[in-house]
Amino acid sequence: GLFYGGHGQLLLCQIIAVLVVIAWVCFWAGLFFWGMKKAGLLRIPLEDEAVGMDAATMATDQAEVPF
């Protein structure tokens, strides 16, 4: 790169490679989440959302005292 007499060409190649990887990840992540959204898997049920996820998944009728 700049330190080995490459005049920035190697650095430019590395910057392009980083941008390609970012574009690749954004494409596949976007496709994955779009598919999940279309399948209805991204949202929790409205009842659980109103109660709160902690209460909906971990709550019991009575609090348990550990001692």
C-alpha atoms as a PDB file:
ATOM      1  CA  GLY A   1       0.000   0.000   0.000  1.00  0.00           C
ATOM      2  CA  LEU A   2       1.201   3.446   0.866  1.00  0.00           C
ATOM      3  CA  PHE A   3       4.076   2.173   3.000  1.00  0.00           C
ATOM      4  CA  TYR A   4       5.469  -0.282   0.438  1.00  0.00           C
ATOM      5  CA  GLY A   5       5.554   1.948  -2.633  1.00  0.00           C
ATOM      6  CA  GLY A   6       2.158   0.980  -4.018  1.00  0.00           C
ATOM      7  CA  HIS A   7       1.084   4.608  -4.496  1.00  0.00           C
ATOM      8  CA  GLY A   8      -2.263   3.901  -2.908  1.00  0.00           C
ATOM      9  CA  GLN A   9      -3.324   1.227  -5.387  1.00  0.00           C
ATOM     10  CA  LEU A  10      -3.363  -1.521  -2.781  1.00  0.00           C
ATOM     11  CA  LEU A  11      -5.222   0.746  -0.363  1.00  0.00           C
ATOM     12  CA  LEU A  12      -7.789   1.512  -3.075  1.00  0.00           C
ATOM     13  CA  CYS A  13      -8.224  -2.215  -3.742  1.00  0.00           C
ATOM     14  CA  GLN A  14      -8.781  -2.840  -0.042  1.00  0.00           C
ATOM     15  CA  ILE A  15     -11.326  -0.015   0.200  1.00  0.00           C
ATOM     16  CA  ILE A  16     -13.182  -1.444  -2.802  1.00  0.00           C
ATOM     17  CA  ALA A  17     -13.100  -4.903  -1.211  1.00  0.00           C
ATOM     18  CA  VAL A  18     -14.584  -3.527   2.022  1.00  0.00           C
ATOM     19  CA  LEU A  19     -17.359  -1.786   0.077  1.00  0.00           C
ATOM     20  CA  VAL A  20     -18.114  -4.990  -1.858  1.00  0.00           C
ATOM     21  CA  VAL A  21     -18.354  -6.979   1.373  1.00  0.00           C
ATOM     22  CA  ILE A  22     -20.668  -4.356   2.899  1.00  0.00           C
ATOM     23  CA  ALA A  23     -22.882  -4.455  -0.212  1.00  0.00           C
ATOM     24  CA  TRP A  24     -22.915  -8.284  -0.144  1.00  0.00           C
ATOM     25  CA  VAL A  25     -23.944  -8.403   3.513  1.00  0.00           C
ATOM     26  CA  CYS A  26     -26.605  -5.696   3.061  1.00  0.00           C
ATOM     27  CA  PHE A  27     -28.081  -7.548   0.097  1.00  0.00           C
ATOM     28  CA  TRP A  28     -28.359 -10.916   1.845  1.00  0.00           C
ATOM     29  CA  ALA A  29     -29.490  -9.449   5.170  1.00  0.00           C
ATOM     30  CA  GLY A  30     -32.116  -7.365   3.380  1.00  0.00           C
ATOM     31  CA  LEU A  31     -33.329 -10.404   1.457  1.00  0.00           C
ATOM     32  CA  PHE A  32     -33.457 -12.478   4.648  1.00  0.00           C
ATOM     33  CA  PHE A  33     -35.383  -9.879   6.652  1.00  0.00           C
ATOM     34  CA  TRP A  34     -37.710  -9.128   3.730  1.00  0.00           C
ATOM     35  CA  GLY A  35     -38.558 -12.829   3.583  1.00  0.00           C
ATOM     36  CA  MET A  36     -39.113 -12.950   7.330  1.00  0.00           C
ATOM     37  CA  LYS A  37     -41.368  -9.901   7.119  1.00  0.00           C
ATOM     38  CA  LYS A  38     -43.418 -11.456   4.315  1.00  0.00           C
ATOM     39  CA  ALA A  39     -43.703 -14.675   6.335  1.00  0.00           C
ATOM     40  CA  GLY A  40     -44.868 -12.710   9.388  1.00  0.00           C
ATOM     41  CA  LEU A  41     -41.955 -13.821  11.568  1.00  0.00           C
ATOM     42  CA  LEU A  42     -40.540 -10.436  12.539  1.00  0.00           C
ATOM     43  CA  ARG A  43     -43.263  -9.272  14.891  1.00  0.00           C
ATOM     44  CA  ILE A  44     -44.497 -10.737  18.127  1.00  0.00           C
ATOM     45  CA  PRO A  45     -48.242 -11.206  18.664  1.00  0.00           C
ATOM     46  CA  LEU A  46     -50.096  -8.003  19.630  1.00  0.00           C
ATOM     47  CA  GLU A  47     -51.158  -9.483  22.978  1.00  0.00           C
ATOM     48  CA  ASP A  48     -47.537 -10.209  23.939  1.00  0.00           C
ATOM     49  CA  GLU A  49     -46.487  -6.754  22.755  1.00  0.00           C
ATOM     50  CA  ALA A  50     -49.152  -5.102  24.922  1.00  0.00           C
ATOM     51  CA  VAL A  51     -48.174  -7.108  28.004  1.00  0.00           C
ATOM     52  CA  GLY A  52     -44.462  -6.937  27.375  1.00  0.00           C
ATOM     53  CA  MET A  53     -42.152  -9.737  26.297  1.00  0.00           C
ATOM     54  CA  ASP A  54     -40.733 -10.362  29.758  1.00  0.00           C
ATOM     55  CA  ALA A  55     -44.171 -10.781  31.263  1.00  0.00           C
ATOM     56  CA  ALA A  56     -45.403 -12.826  28.330  1.00  0.00           C
ATOM     57  CA  THR A  57     -42.545 -15.323  28.307  1.00  0.00           C
ATOM     58  CA  MET A  58     -41.260 -15.466  31.884  1.00  0.00           C
ATOM     59  CA  ALA A  59     -44.037 -14.314  34.185  1.00  0.00           C
ATOM     60  CA  THR A  60     -45.769 -16.640  36.578  1.00  0.00           C
ATOM     61  CA  ASP A  61     -48.983 -16.139  38.496  1.00  0.00           C
ATOM     62  CA  GLN A  62     -47.148 -15.739  41.787  1.00  0.00           C
ATOM     63  CA  ALA A  63     -43.702 -14.455  42.531  1.00  0.00           C
ATOM     64  CA  GLU A  64     -41.396 -17.156  43.794  1.00  0.00           C
ATOM     65  CA  VAL A  65     -39.189 -16.235  46.728  1.00  0.00           C
ATOM     66  CA  PRO A  66     -35.859 -18.079  46.534  1.00  0.00           C
ATOM     67  CA  PHE A  67     -35.485 -18.501  50.328  1.00  0.00           C
END
